Amino acid sequence: MSKFKKKKKGLPAVSTASLPDIVFMLLFFFMVTTTMRETDLLIDSPRLPSATEVKKLEHKSLVSTIYVGKAKDKDKYGASFNRIQLNDKIATPDDVPSFIMSEREKVSESDIPFMTTSIKADKESNVGTLTDIRLKLREVNALKLSLSTQKGSSIKK
C-alpha cells in the first residue's frame, strides 16, 4: 500500500474572469445600436392591407410617416377611422403641408429630393381621407409616396 494517494486529474475549471467584460461589451453594443421609437401612436396600430409586391424603404432617415386610423382616445377624437397622426398629435389634412415643410427643415438641402412620405393607413380607413392627404402632399411638391402594406396575398380564396 502506498502512503500517498494519487489525485485524479480532471479538466481544469473554466475561467470566468473575463465574463463581466463580455457582458458589458454586449450591453454597450445593444445600447448604441438600438433606436427608440420616435413617436407614440395616438391611433390604434394600423392593420395594414396585404400586397404581393412589397419593397422595403432604404433610407429610413429620409422617410416622413403619416398614420391614418382609429384614435385610441375615442372620447376625445371620435370613433371613426379617419384620424391622421403627424408626429405626436392628431391632425387634419390641412396640417400635412406644414408637417412636410418641418420635416424638410430637419435634413440637408441635397437630401430633400430623396425624401419619401410613407402613409401607414388602416385597411378600414376612408379612401377620401387618403385622397385629401395626397392632394395636400402635391401642394408642397412631396411627390414620392409610399403606402405601407404587409406582405401576403391580397386575393381572398
Protein backbone atom coordinates (compact mmCIF):
# COMPACT_ATOMS: atom_id res chain seq x y z
CA MET A 1 0.00 0.00 0.00
CA SER A 2 1.14 3.41 -0.80
CA LYS A 3 1.20 6.14 1.69
CA PHE A 4 0.10 8.86 -0.73
CA LYS A 5 -2.90 8.52 -2.98
CA LYS A 6 -2.65 9.84 -6.49
CA LYS A 7 -5.12 12.56 -7.32
CA LYS A 8 -7.25 12.04 -10.36
CA LYS A 9 -6.53 14.72 -12.91
CA GLY A 10 -9.70 16.11 -14.48
CA LEU A 11 -10.43 19.05 -16.67
CA PRO A 12 -9.40 22.39 -15.24
CA ALA A 13 -12.19 24.77 -14.21
CA VAL A 14 -13.36 27.28 -16.79
CA SER A 15 -12.10 30.75 -16.02
CA THR A 16 -14.94 33.24 -15.61
CA ALA A 17 -12.68 36.24 -15.07
CA SER A 18 -13.46 37.71 -18.49
CA LEU A 19 -17.22 37.11 -18.26
CA PRO A 20 -18.09 40.58 -16.85
CA ASP A 21 -16.11 42.21 -19.66
CA ILE A 22 -18.05 40.28 -22.28
CA VAL A 23 -21.38 41.12 -20.65
CA PHE A 24 -20.58 44.84 -20.56
CA MET A 25 -19.39 44.81 -24.18
CA LEU A 26 -22.69 43.24 -25.26
CA LEU A 27 -24.67 45.69 -23.16
CA PHE A 28 -22.78 48.64 -24.62
CA PHE A 29 -23.26 47.29 -28.17
CA PHE A 30 -27.04 47.00 -27.78
CA MET A 31 -27.30 50.40 -26.11
CA VAL A 32 -25.50 52.04 -29.03
CA THR A 33 -27.25 50.23 -31.89
CA THR A 34 -30.84 50.23 -30.61
CA THR A 35 -33.11 53.01 -31.77
CA MET A 36 -36.10 54.05 -29.77
CA ARG A 37 -39.49 54.73 -31.30
CA GLU A 38 -39.68 58.42 -32.08
CA THR A 39 -43.44 58.86 -31.89
CA ASP A 40 -46.09 57.49 -29.59
CA LEU A 41 -49.06 56.19 -31.52
CA LEU A 42 -52.26 58.04 -30.68
CA ILE A 43 -54.16 55.85 -33.10
CA ASP A 44 -54.64 52.11 -32.84
CA SER A 45 -51.87 50.18 -34.57
CA PRO A 46 -52.95 50.18 -38.18
CA ARG A 47 -53.97 46.84 -39.64
CA LEU A 48 -52.12 47.21 -42.91
CA PRO A 49 -53.58 45.88 -46.16
CA SER A 50 -51.90 42.90 -47.82
CA ALA A 51 -49.86 43.12 -51.02
CA THR A 52 -47.85 40.68 -53.09
CA GLU A 53 -45.23 43.09 -54.48
CA VAL A 54 -43.55 44.64 -51.43
CA LYS A 55 -40.37 46.72 -51.47
CA LYS A 56 -38.50 47.88 -48.39
CA LEU A 57 -37.63 51.56 -47.97
CA GLU A 58 -33.88 52.12 -47.98
CA HIS A 59 -33.16 55.43 -46.25
CA LYS A 60 -35.33 55.41 -43.13
CA SER A 61 -33.95 58.78 -42.01
CA LEU A 62 -35.47 60.39 -45.12
CA VAL A 63 -38.95 58.94 -44.54
CA SER A 64 -41.76 61.01 -43.02
CA THR A 65 -44.59 58.83 -41.73
CA ILE A 66 -48.27 59.74 -41.64
CA TYR A 67 -50.54 57.40 -39.67
CA VAL A 68 -54.23 57.05 -40.55
CA GLY A 69 -56.68 55.05 -38.48
CA LYS A 70 -58.98 55.00 -35.48
CA ALA A 71 -57.92 57.10 -32.48
CA LYS A 72 -57.15 55.30 -29.22
CA ASP A 73 -58.91 58.01 -27.18
CA LYS A 74 -62.38 57.75 -28.72
CA ASP A 75 -63.89 60.22 -26.24
CA LYS A 76 -61.50 62.98 -27.28
CA TYR A 77 -61.14 62.35 -31.04
CA GLY A 78 -64.18 60.29 -32.06
CA ALA A 79 -64.52 56.69 -33.18
CA SER A 80 -64.13 56.98 -36.96
CA PHE A 81 -61.23 55.52 -38.94
CA ASN A 82 -60.37 58.92 -40.43
CA ARG A 83 -57.92 60.25 -37.84
CA ILE A 84 -54.50 61.40 -39.04
CA GLN A 85 -51.43 61.42 -36.80
CA LEU A 86 -48.45 63.63 -37.63
CA ASN A 87 -45.57 63.17 -35.20
CA ASP A 88 -47.21 63.14 -31.75
CA LYS A 89 -50.54 64.85 -32.46
CA ILE A 90 -53.81 64.18 -34.18
CA ALA A 91 -54.16 66.48 -37.18
CA THR A 92 -56.27 67.26 -40.23
CA PRO A 93 -55.28 67.06 -43.91
CA ASP A 94 -54.72 70.84 -43.83
CA ASP A 95 -51.82 70.29 -41.38
CA VAL A 96 -49.94 67.96 -43.78
CA PRO A 97 -48.11 70.71 -45.77
CA SER A 98 -46.68 72.31 -42.61
CA PHE A 99 -45.65 68.83 -41.38
CA ILE A 100 -43.76 68.15 -44.62
CA MET A 101 -42.08 71.56 -44.53
CA SER A 102 -40.92 70.98 -40.94
CA GLU A 103 -39.56 67.55 -41.93
CA ARG A 104 -37.65 69.16 -44.82
CA GLU A 105 -36.02 71.60 -42.42
CA LYS A 106 -34.50 68.68 -40.49
CA VAL A 107 -32.47 67.35 -43.44
CA SER A 108 -29.84 68.91 -45.66
CA GLU A 109 -30.95 70.60 -48.85
CA SER A 110 -29.24 68.00 -51.02
CA ASP A 111 -31.34 65.22 -49.42
CA ILE A 112 -34.74 66.90 -49.95
CA PRO A 113 -35.32 65.32 -53.42
CA PHE A 114 -34.80 61.88 -51.88
CA MET A 115 -37.36 62.33 -49.11
CA THR A 116 -40.29 59.93 -49.11
CA THR A 117 -43.65 60.28 -47.40
CA SER A 118 -44.97 56.98 -46.04
CA ILE A 119 -48.65 56.56 -45.26
CA LYS A 120 -49.49 53.81 -42.80
CA ALA A 121 -53.25 53.56 -43.11
CA ASP A 122 -55.58 51.04 -41.55
CA LYS A 123 -57.31 48.90 -44.16
CA GLU A 124 -60.66 50.18 -42.87
CA SER A 125 -59.63 53.82 -43.46
CA ASN A 126 -61.69 56.04 -45.70
CA VAL A 127 -60.26 56.49 -49.22
CA GLY A 128 -61.40 60.12 -49.15
CA THR A 129 -59.03 60.83 -46.27
CA LEU A 130 -56.13 59.29 -48.19
CA THR A 131 -57.05 61.34 -51.27
CA ASP A 132 -57.12 64.53 -49.18
CA ILE A 133 -53.64 63.72 -47.85
CA ARG A 134 -52.33 63.06 -51.37
CA LEU A 135 -53.72 66.37 -52.64
CA LYS A 136 -52.06 68.26 -49.78
CA LEU A 137 -48.77 66.47 -50.50
CA ARG A 138 -48.99 67.63 -54.11
CA GLU A 139 -49.33 71.24 -52.94
CA VAL A 140 -45.88 71.12 -51.33
CA ASN A 141 -44.36 69.03 -54.15
CA ALA A 142 -43.89 65.93 -51.97
CA LEU A 143 -44.45 63.50 -54.82
CA LYS A 144 -42.52 60.46 -53.55
CA LEU A 145 -45.21 58.49 -51.74
CA SER A 146 -45.10 55.05 -50.17
CA LEU A 147 -48.18 53.20 -48.95
CA SER A 148 -47.21 50.75 -46.21
CA THR A 149 -48.53 47.21 -46.53
CA GLN A 150 -47.86 43.80 -45.09
CA LYS A 151 -46.55 41.02 -47.26
CA GLY A 152 -49.13 38.47 -48.24
CA SER A 153 -51.77 37.70 -50.78
CA SER A 154 -54.46 40.34 -51.18
CA ILE A 155 -56.73 37.93 -53.05
CA LYS A 156 -59.18 36.04 -50.85
CA LYS A 157 -59.90 32.48 -51.91
